[in-house]
């Protein structure tokens, strides 16, 4: 009579994560059922347990793939979004109106406190803010102009 091989215990299994108690319970139940039912059901019990492990691995892989896909989509959306893509004509018009409305008191304060240099400083600030806004909403506005060599026309 040959000696029976020792079945692995949950503690001796190194491939199972220590935090996965549900899988450990499944293994314990499978081993207990094997002891009760005998060797003739061993193959079916092992197949059943491996199917559960397979489902667990598939679920983990699916979650990782979904997470990575979502991260890639988010990164693609961030990369494709231009600064002016969200600015509408109304926003630009509103910015211009607010700028002109604020120009009146700023001119009065600058001119009243520092006379002509104060007035010039106030208007330099107003023009500067509007130039920055225009450059933000139209990225190619202040870029390099195409020369005739860059036009793409062939002679």
N, C-alpha and C. Protein backbone atom coordinates (compact mmCIF):
# COMPACT_ATOMS: atom_id res chain seq x y z
N UNK A 1 0.85 -1.18 0.00
CA UNK A 1 0.00 0.00 0.00
C UNK A 1 0.89 1.24 0.00
N UNK A 2 0.67 2.10 -0.94
CA UNK A 2 1.52 3.28 -1.02
C UNK A 2 0.99 4.38 -0.10
N UNK A 3 1.87 5.26 0.38
CA UNK A 3 1.43 6.31 1.31
C UNK A 3 0.62 7.36 0.55
N UNK A 4 -0.37 7.87 1.22
CA UNK A 4 -1.21 8.92 0.63
C UNK A 4 -0.46 10.24 0.64
N UNK A 5 -0.51 10.95 -0.46
CA UNK A 5 0.17 12.26 -0.47
C UNK A 5 -0.56 13.22 0.45
N UNK A 6 0.22 14.08 1.07
CA UNK A 6 -0.38 15.09 1.96
C UNK A 6 -1.00 16.19 1.13
N UNK A 7 -2.18 16.54 1.49
CA UNK A 7 -2.86 17.64 0.82
C UNK A 7 -2.35 18.96 1.38
N UNK A 8 -2.27 19.97 0.53
CA UNK A 8 -1.78 21.26 1.03
C UNK A 8 -2.80 21.89 1.96
N UNK A 9 -2.29 22.62 2.91
CA UNK A 9 -3.17 23.36 3.82
C UNK A 9 -3.20 24.82 3.39
N UNK A 10 -4.14 25.54 3.91
CA UNK A 10 -4.26 26.95 3.58
C UNK A 10 -3.03 27.71 4.03
N UNK A 11 -2.49 27.35 5.17
CA UNK A 11 -1.34 28.05 5.70
C UNK A 11 -0.13 27.80 4.81
N UNK A 12 -0.03 26.60 4.25
CA UNK A 12 1.12 26.26 3.42
C UNK A 12 1.03 26.79 2.01
N UNK A 13 -0.11 27.26 1.58
CA UNK A 13 -0.26 27.77 0.22
C UNK A 13 0.37 29.16 0.13
N UNK A 14 1.37 29.30 -0.70
CA UNK A 14 2.04 30.59 -0.82
C UNK A 14 1.45 31.42 -1.95
N UNK A 15 0.68 30.81 -2.85
CA UNK A 15 0.14 31.53 -3.99
C UNK A 15 -1.11 32.31 -3.69
N UNK A 16 -1.69 32.14 -2.53
CA UNK A 16 -2.92 32.84 -2.18
C UNK A 16 -2.57 34.03 -1.30
N UNK A 17 -3.13 35.14 -1.65
CA UNK A 17 -2.89 36.36 -0.87
C UNK A 17 -3.47 36.18 0.53
N UNK A 18 -2.71 36.58 1.52
CA UNK A 18 -3.14 36.41 2.92
C UNK A 18 -4.43 37.17 3.22
N UNK A 19 -4.75 38.20 2.45
CA UNK A 19 -5.94 39.00 2.71
C UNK A 19 -7.18 38.40 2.05
N UNK A 20 -7.02 37.42 1.19
CA UNK A 20 -8.15 36.86 0.47
C UNK A 20 -8.78 35.73 1.27
N UNK A 21 -9.55 36.09 2.28
CA UNK A 21 -10.14 35.09 3.19
C UNK A 21 -11.22 34.28 2.50
N UNK A 22 -11.92 34.88 1.56
CA UNK A 22 -12.99 34.14 0.87
C UNK A 22 -12.41 32.98 0.07
N UNK A 23 -11.31 33.21 -0.60
CA UNK A 23 -10.67 32.15 -1.36
C UNK A 23 -10.10 31.07 -0.44
N UNK A 24 -9.60 31.49 0.70
CA UNK A 24 -9.11 30.52 1.68
C UNK A 24 -10.25 29.63 2.18
N UNK A 25 -11.40 30.24 2.41
CA UNK A 25 -12.56 29.47 2.86
C UNK A 25 -12.99 28.47 1.79
N UNK A 26 -12.95 28.90 0.54
CA UNK A 26 -13.30 28.01 -0.57
C UNK A 26 -12.34 26.82 -0.63
N UNK A 27 -11.04 27.09 -0.45
CA UNK A 27 -10.06 26.01 -0.46
C UNK A 27 -10.28 25.05 0.70
N UNK A 28 -10.53 25.60 1.87
CA UNK A 28 -10.82 24.75 3.03
C UNK A 28 -12.05 23.87 2.78
N UNK A 29 -13.09 24.47 2.21
CA UNK A 29 -14.31 23.71 1.94
C UNK A 29 -14.04 22.61 0.90
N UNK A 30 -13.24 22.93 -0.11
CA UNK A 30 -12.90 21.93 -1.13
C UNK A 30 -12.11 20.79 -0.52
N UNK A 31 -11.14 21.11 0.32
CA UNK A 31 -10.34 20.06 0.96
C UNK A 31 -11.19 19.22 1.91
N UNK A 32 -12.07 19.85 2.62
CA UNK A 32 -12.96 19.12 3.54
C UNK A 32 -13.89 18.19 2.75
N UNK A 33 -14.44 18.69 1.65
CA UNK A 33 -15.31 17.86 0.81
C UNK A 33 -14.54 16.70 0.21
N UNK A 34 -13.29 16.91 -0.14
CA UNK A 34 -12.46 15.83 -0.70
C UNK A 34 -12.25 14.73 0.34
N UNK A 35 -12.01 15.15 1.59
CA UNK A 35 -11.82 14.16 2.66
C UNK A 35 -13.09 13.35 2.88
N UNK A 36 -14.24 14.02 2.80
CA UNK A 36 -15.51 13.33 3.05
C UNK A 36 -15.94 12.46 1.87
N UNK A 37 -15.75 12.97 0.64
CA UNK A 37 -16.26 12.25 -0.53
C UNK A 37 -15.28 11.20 -1.06
N UNK A 38 -14.02 11.38 -0.80
CA UNK A 38 -13.05 10.40 -1.27
C UNK A 38 -12.39 10.82 -2.56
N UNK A 39 -11.48 9.95 -3.02
CA UNK A 39 -10.65 10.26 -4.19
C UNK A 39 -11.43 10.29 -5.49
N UNK A 40 -12.54 9.60 -5.57
CA UNK A 40 -13.27 9.55 -6.85
C UNK A 40 -13.85 10.91 -7.25
N UNK A 41 -14.03 11.81 -6.29
CA UNK A 41 -14.55 13.14 -6.59
C UNK A 41 -13.45 14.21 -6.61
N UNK A 42 -12.22 13.78 -6.42
CA UNK A 42 -11.11 14.74 -6.32
C UNK A 42 -11.00 15.60 -7.57
N UNK A 43 -11.07 15.01 -8.73
CA UNK A 43 -10.93 15.75 -9.98
C UNK A 43 -12.03 16.81 -10.13
N UNK A 44 -13.26 16.46 -9.81
CA UNK A 44 -14.37 17.42 -9.91
C UNK A 44 -14.20 18.55 -8.90
N UNK A 45 -13.75 18.22 -7.69
CA UNK A 45 -13.56 19.25 -6.67
C UNK A 45 -12.45 20.21 -7.06
N UNK A 46 -11.34 19.65 -7.57
CA UNK A 46 -10.22 20.50 -7.99
C UNK A 46 -10.66 21.39 -9.15
N UNK A 47 -11.38 20.83 -10.12
CA UNK A 47 -11.86 21.64 -11.24
C UNK A 47 -12.76 22.78 -10.77
N UNK A 48 -13.63 22.47 -9.83
CA UNK A 48 -14.53 23.48 -9.30
C UNK A 48 -13.76 24.61 -8.60
N UNK A 49 -12.78 24.21 -7.78
CA UNK A 49 -11.98 25.21 -7.09
C UNK A 49 -11.18 26.05 -8.08
N UNK A 50 -10.58 25.40 -9.07
CA UNK A 50 -9.79 26.14 -10.07
C UNK A 50 -10.68 27.08 -10.88
N UNK A 51 -11.90 26.69 -11.12
CA UNK A 51 -12.83 27.58 -11.82
C UNK A 51 -13.09 28.85 -11.00
N UNK A 52 -13.23 28.69 -9.68
CA UNK A 52 -13.44 29.85 -8.81
C UNK A 52 -12.21 30.75 -8.80
N UNK A 53 -11.02 30.13 -8.76
CA UNK A 53 -9.77 30.91 -8.80
C UNK A 53 -9.68 31.64 -10.14
N UNK A 54 -10.03 30.94 -11.21
CA UNK A 54 -10.00 31.53 -12.54
C UNK A 54 -10.94 32.74 -12.63
N UNK A 55 -12.14 32.60 -12.07
CA UNK A 55 -13.08 33.71 -12.08
C UNK A 55 -12.54 34.89 -11.29
N UNK A 56 -11.89 34.60 -10.17
CA UNK A 56 -11.31 35.66 -9.34
C UNK A 56 -10.21 36.40 -10.11
N UNK A 57 -9.36 35.64 -10.79
CA UNK A 57 -8.27 36.25 -11.56
C UNK A 57 -8.85 37.06 -12.72
N UNK A 58 -9.85 36.50 -13.42
CA UNK A 58 -10.48 37.23 -14.52
C UNK A 58 -11.08 38.55 -14.04
N UNK A 59 -11.73 38.52 -12.88
CA UNK A 59 -12.32 39.74 -12.33
C UNK A 59 -11.26 40.79 -12.01
N UNK A 60 -10.15 40.33 -11.42
CA UNK A 60 -9.07 41.27 -11.08
C UNK A 60 -8.45 41.87 -12.35
N UNK A 61 -8.23 41.03 -13.35
CA UNK A 61 -7.65 41.52 -14.60
C UNK A 61 -8.61 42.49 -15.29
N UNK A 62 -9.89 42.16 -15.28
CA UNK A 62 -10.89 43.04 -15.90
C UNK A 62 -10.93 44.41 -15.21
N UNK A 63 -10.86 44.40 -13.89
CA UNK A 63 -10.85 45.69 -13.16
C UNK A 63 -9.62 46.50 -13.51
N UNK A 64 -8.47 45.84 -13.58
CA UNK A 64 -7.23 46.56 -13.93
C UNK A 64 -7.31 47.12 -15.34
N UNK A 65 -7.80 46.32 -16.27
CA UNK A 65 -7.90 46.78 -17.66
C UNK A 65 -8.85 47.97 -17.75
N UNK A 66 -10.00 47.88 -17.08
CA UNK A 66 -10.96 48.99 -17.08
C UNK A 66 -10.34 50.26 -16.49
N UNK A 67 -9.61 50.09 -15.39
CA UNK A 67 -8.98 51.25 -14.75
C UNK A 67 -7.93 51.87 -15.68
N UNK A 68 -7.11 51.03 -16.31
CA UNK A 68 -6.09 51.57 -17.22
C UNK A 68 -6.73 52.23 -18.44
N UNK A 69 -7.79 51.64 -18.95
CA UNK A 69 -8.49 52.23 -20.09
C UNK A 69 -9.08 53.59 -19.71
N UNK A 70 -9.67 53.66 -18.52
CA UNK A 70 -10.23 54.94 -18.06
C UNK A 70 -9.13 55.98 -17.90
N UNK A 71 -7.98 55.56 -17.37
CA UNK A 71 -6.86 56.50 -17.22
C UNK A 71 -6.36 56.98 -18.57
N UNK A 72 -6.29 56.08 -19.56
CA UNK A 72 -5.86 56.48 -20.89
C UNK A 72 -6.86 57.43 -21.53
N UNK A 73 -8.14 57.16 -21.37
CA UNK A 73 -9.16 58.04 -21.93
C UNK A 73 -9.10 59.42 -21.27
N UNK A 74 -8.88 59.44 -19.97
CA UNK A 74 -8.78 60.70 -19.26
C UNK A 74 -7.55 61.49 -19.75
N UNK A 75 -6.44 60.81 -19.92
CA UNK A 75 -5.22 61.46 -20.38
C UNK A 75 -5.40 61.97 -21.81
N UNK A 76 -6.05 61.18 -22.66
CA UNK A 76 -6.31 61.60 -24.04
C UNK A 76 -7.21 62.83 -24.05
N UNK A 77 -8.23 62.82 -23.20
CA UNK A 77 -9.12 63.98 -23.14
C UNK A 77 -8.39 65.22 -22.66
N UNK A 78 -7.50 65.05 -21.70
CA UNK A 78 -6.72 66.20 -21.21
C UNK A 78 -5.78 66.72 -22.28
N UNK A 79 -5.15 65.81 -23.02
CA UNK A 79 -4.19 66.22 -24.05
C UNK A 79 -4.86 66.89 -25.24
N UNK A 80 -6.07 66.43 -25.59
CA UNK A 80 -6.73 66.96 -26.78
C UNK A 80 -7.46 68.27 -26.51
N UNK A 81 -7.65 68.60 -25.27
CA UNK A 81 -8.39 69.83 -24.94
C UNK A 81 -7.48 71.04 -25.09
N UNK A 82 -7.87 71.97 -25.92
CA UNK A 82 -7.10 73.20 -26.08
C UNK A 82 -7.63 74.24 -25.11
N UNK A 83 -6.81 75.21 -24.73
CA UNK A 83 -7.27 76.21 -23.77
C UNK A 83 -8.49 76.98 -24.25
N UNK A 84 -8.62 77.24 -25.55
CA UNK A 84 -9.74 78.01 -26.05
C UNK A 84 -10.95 77.17 -26.39
N UNK A 85 -10.86 75.86 -26.23
CA UNK A 85 -11.96 75.00 -26.64
C UNK A 85 -13.22 75.24 -25.82
N UNK A 86 -13.07 75.68 -24.58
CA UNK A 86 -14.25 75.88 -23.74
C UNK A 86 -14.75 77.32 -23.78
N UNK A 87 -14.00 78.22 -24.40
CA UNK A 87 -14.39 79.62 -24.44
C UNK A 87 -15.36 79.86 -25.59
N UNK A 88 -16.48 80.44 -25.27
CA UNK A 88 -17.46 80.76 -26.31
C UNK A 88 -17.34 82.25 -26.66
N UNK A 89 -18.06 82.62 -27.71
CA UNK A 89 -18.06 84.02 -28.11
C UNK A 89 -18.59 84.89 -26.97
N UNK A 90 -19.59 84.41 -26.25
CA UNK A 90 -20.17 85.17 -25.16
C UNK A 90 -19.18 85.43 -24.03
N UNK A 91 -18.36 84.44 -23.76
CA UNK A 91 -17.36 84.63 -22.70
C UNK A 91 -16.34 85.69 -23.11
N UNK A 92 -15.91 85.65 -24.37
CA UNK A 92 -14.94 86.64 -24.84
C UNK A 92 -15.56 88.04 -24.85
N UNK A 93 -16.81 88.12 -25.29
CA UNK A 93 -17.52 89.40 -25.32
C UNK A 93 -17.68 89.94 -23.90
N UNK A 94 -18.07 89.05 -22.98
CA UNK A 94 -18.23 89.47 -21.58
C UNK A 94 -16.92 89.95 -20.97
N UNK A 95 -15.84 89.28 -21.31
CA UNK A 95 -14.53 89.71 -20.80
C UNK A 95 -14.19 91.10 -21.31
N UNK A 96 -14.47 91.35 -22.59
CA UNK A 96 -14.20 92.68 -23.16
C UNK A 96 -15.04 93.77 -22.49
N UNK A 97 -16.32 93.48 -22.24
CA UNK A 97 -17.21 94.46 -21.59
C UNK A 97 -16.72 94.75 -20.17
N UNK A 98 -16.41 93.71 -19.41
CA UNK A 98 -15.93 93.90 -18.04
C UNK A 98 -14.63 94.70 -18.04
N UNK A 99 -13.79 94.42 -19.00
CA UNK A 99 -12.53 95.13 -19.11
C UNK A 99 -12.76 96.62 -19.35
N UNK A 100 -13.69 96.95 -20.22
CA UNK A 100 -13.98 98.37 -20.50
C UNK A 100 -14.66 99.05 -19.32
N UNK A 101 -15.54 98.32 -18.64
CA UNK A 101 -16.23 98.90 -17.48
C UNK A 101 -15.23 99.21 -16.38
N UNK A 102 -14.29 98.30 -16.16
CA UNK A 102 -13.27 98.54 -15.13
C UNK A 102 -12.23 99.57 -15.55
N UNK A 103 -12.10 99.81 -16.84
CA UNK A 103 -11.13 100.78 -17.32
C UNK A 103 -11.44 102.19 -16.85
N UNK A 104 -12.73 102.52 -16.71
CA UNK A 104 -13.12 103.88 -16.32
C UNK A 104 -12.62 104.22 -14.91
N UNK A 105 -12.96 103.42 -13.87
CA UNK A 105 -12.47 103.79 -12.55
C UNK A 105 -10.95 103.65 -12.42
N UNK A 106 -10.37 102.64 -13.11
CA UNK A 106 -8.91 102.50 -13.03
C UNK A 106 -8.21 103.71 -13.65
N UNK A 107 -8.76 104.23 -14.74
CA UNK A 107 -8.18 105.42 -15.37
C UNK A 107 -8.30 106.63 -14.43
N UNK A 108 -9.44 106.75 -13.80
CA UNK A 108 -9.66 107.89 -12.89
C UNK A 108 -8.71 107.81 -11.70
N UNK A 109 -8.55 106.61 -11.13
CA UNK A 109 -7.67 106.48 -9.97
C UNK A 109 -6.22 106.70 -10.38
N UNK A 110 -5.79 106.06 -11.48
CA UNK A 110 -4.41 106.22 -11.94
C UNK A 110 -4.09 107.65 -12.31
N UNK A 111 -5.01 108.31 -13.05
CA UNK A 111 -4.78 109.71 -13.45
C UNK A 111 -4.86 110.65 -12.28
N UNK A 112 -5.73 110.39 -11.31
CA UNK A 112 -5.88 111.28 -10.16
C UNK A 112 -4.71 111.17 -9.20
N UNK A 113 -4.15 110.00 -9.04
CA UNK A 113 -3.06 109.81 -8.07
C UNK A 113 -1.72 110.17 -8.68
N UNK A 114 -1.43 109.65 -9.89
CA UNK A 114 -0.09 109.84 -10.46
C UNK A 114 -0.13 110.57 -11.79
N UNK A 115 -1.24 111.19 -12.10
CA UNK A 115 -1.41 111.96 -13.33
C UNK A 115 -1.14 111.10 -14.58
N UNK A 116 -0.36 111.61 -15.55
CA UNK A 116 -0.17 110.90 -16.80
C UNK A 116 0.52 109.54 -16.61
N UNK A 117 1.58 109.43 -15.80
CA UNK A 117 2.21 108.10 -15.63
C UNK A 117 1.23 107.09 -15.01
N UNK A 118 0.38 107.53 -14.10
CA UNK A 118 -0.61 106.64 -13.49
C UNK A 118 -1.65 106.17 -14.50
N UNK A 119 -2.08 107.12 -15.35
CA UNK A 119 -3.03 106.78 -16.40
C UNK A 119 -2.43 105.77 -17.39
N UNK A 120 -1.17 105.99 -17.77
CA UNK A 120 -0.49 105.06 -18.69
C UNK A 120 -0.31 103.68 -18.04
N UNK A 121 0.00 103.66 -16.76
CA UNK A 121 0.17 102.37 -16.06
C UNK A 121 -1.16 101.62 -15.99
N UNK A 122 -2.24 102.32 -15.72
CA UNK A 122 -3.56 101.68 -15.66
C UNK A 122 -3.92 101.09 -17.01
N UNK A 123 -3.72 101.85 -18.09
CA UNK A 123 -4.06 101.35 -19.41
C UNK A 123 -3.09 100.26 -19.87
N UNK A 124 -1.86 100.30 -19.46
CA UNK A 124 -0.92 99.22 -19.78
C UNK A 124 -1.39 97.92 -19.12
N UNK A 125 -1.88 98.02 -17.90
CA UNK A 125 -2.41 96.84 -17.22
C UNK A 125 -3.66 96.29 -17.90
N UNK A 126 -4.55 97.18 -18.32
CA UNK A 126 -5.78 96.77 -19.00
C UNK A 126 -5.44 96.09 -20.33
N UNK A 127 -4.56 96.72 -21.10
CA UNK A 127 -4.16 96.14 -22.38
C UNK A 127 -3.45 94.80 -22.15
N UNK A 128 -2.58 94.73 -21.14
CA UNK A 128 -1.86 93.49 -20.84
C UNK A 128 -2.80 92.34 -20.52
N UNK A 129 -3.81 92.61 -19.70
CA UNK A 129 -4.77 91.56 -19.33
C UNK A 129 -5.53 91.10 -20.57
N UNK A 130 -5.91 92.03 -21.45
CA UNK A 130 -6.64 91.66 -22.65
C UNK A 130 -5.76 90.90 -23.65
N UNK A 131 -4.48 91.24 -23.72
CA UNK A 131 -3.56 90.50 -24.60
C UNK A 131 -3.38 89.07 -24.10
N UNK A 132 -3.23 88.90 -22.80
CA UNK A 132 -3.10 87.55 -22.24
C UNK A 132 -4.36 86.74 -22.51
N UNK A 133 -5.52 87.35 -22.33
CA UNK A 133 -6.79 86.65 -22.59
C UNK A 133 -6.90 86.27 -24.07
N UNK A 134 -6.51 87.17 -24.95
CA UNK A 134 -6.58 86.87 -26.39
C UNK A 134 -5.61 85.75 -26.76
N UNK A 135 -4.43 85.76 -26.17
CA UNK A 135 -3.46 84.69 -26.44
C UNK A 135 -3.95 83.36 -25.90
N UNK A 136 -4.65 83.38 -24.79
CA UNK A 136 -5.17 82.13 -24.20
C UNK A 136 -6.30 81.55 -25.04
N UNK A 137 -7.17 82.38 -25.53
CA UNK A 137 -8.31 81.87 -26.30
C UNK A 137 -7.95 81.58 -27.75
N UNK A 138 -6.89 82.18 -28.27
CA UNK A 138 -6.44 81.94 -29.65
C UNK A 138 -4.96 81.59 -29.61
N UNK A 139 -4.60 80.32 -29.39
CA UNK A 139 -3.20 79.94 -29.19
C UNK A 139 -2.28 80.34 -30.32
N UNK A 140 -2.71 80.38 -31.56
CA UNK A 140 -1.84 80.72 -32.68
C UNK A 140 -1.82 82.20 -33.01
N UNK A 141 -2.47 83.04 -32.22
CA UNK A 141 -2.63 84.46 -32.53
C UNK A 141 -1.30 85.20 -32.64
N UNK A 142 -0.41 84.96 -31.71
CA UNK A 142 0.86 85.69 -31.71
C UNK A 142 2.02 84.79 -32.14
N UNK A 143 1.69 83.72 -32.83
CA UNK A 143 2.73 82.78 -33.28
C UNK A 143 3.44 83.30 -34.50
N UNK A 144 4.39 82.50 -34.98
CA UNK A 144 5.19 82.84 -36.15
C UNK A 144 4.31 82.80 -37.39
N UNK A 145 4.45 83.80 -38.23
CA UNK A 145 3.68 83.83 -39.48
C UNK A 145 4.37 82.93 -40.49
N UNK A 146 3.58 82.31 -41.36
CA UNK A 146 4.13 81.46 -42.40
C UNK A 146 4.76 82.32 -43.48
N UNK A 147 5.93 81.92 -43.90
CA UNK A 147 6.56 82.60 -45.02
C UNK A 147 6.08 81.95 -46.31
N UNK A 148 6.46 82.51 -47.42
CA UNK A 148 6.02 81.94 -48.70
C UNK A 148 6.62 80.56 -48.92
N UNK A 149 7.77 80.28 -48.27
CA UNK A 149 8.38 78.97 -48.41
C UNK A 149 7.58 77.92 -47.65
N UNK A 150 6.92 78.30 -46.55
CA UNK A 150 6.17 77.38 -45.72
C UNK A 150 4.73 77.20 -46.18
N UNK A 151 4.33 77.88 -47.26
CA UNK A 151 2.91 77.88 -47.61
C UNK A 151 2.41 76.55 -48.16
N UNK A 152 3.33 75.71 -48.64
CA UNK A 152 2.90 74.41 -49.14
C UNK A 152 2.60 74.43 -50.62
N UNK A 153 2.70 75.60 -51.27
CA UNK A 153 2.47 75.69 -52.71
C UNK A 153 3.71 75.23 -53.44
N UNK A 154 3.51 74.46 -54.46
CA UNK A 154 4.64 74.03 -55.27
C UNK A 154 4.69 74.85 -56.54
N UNK A 155 5.89 75.19 -56.97
CA UNK A 155 6.05 75.98 -58.22
C UNK A 155 6.00 75.10 -59.42
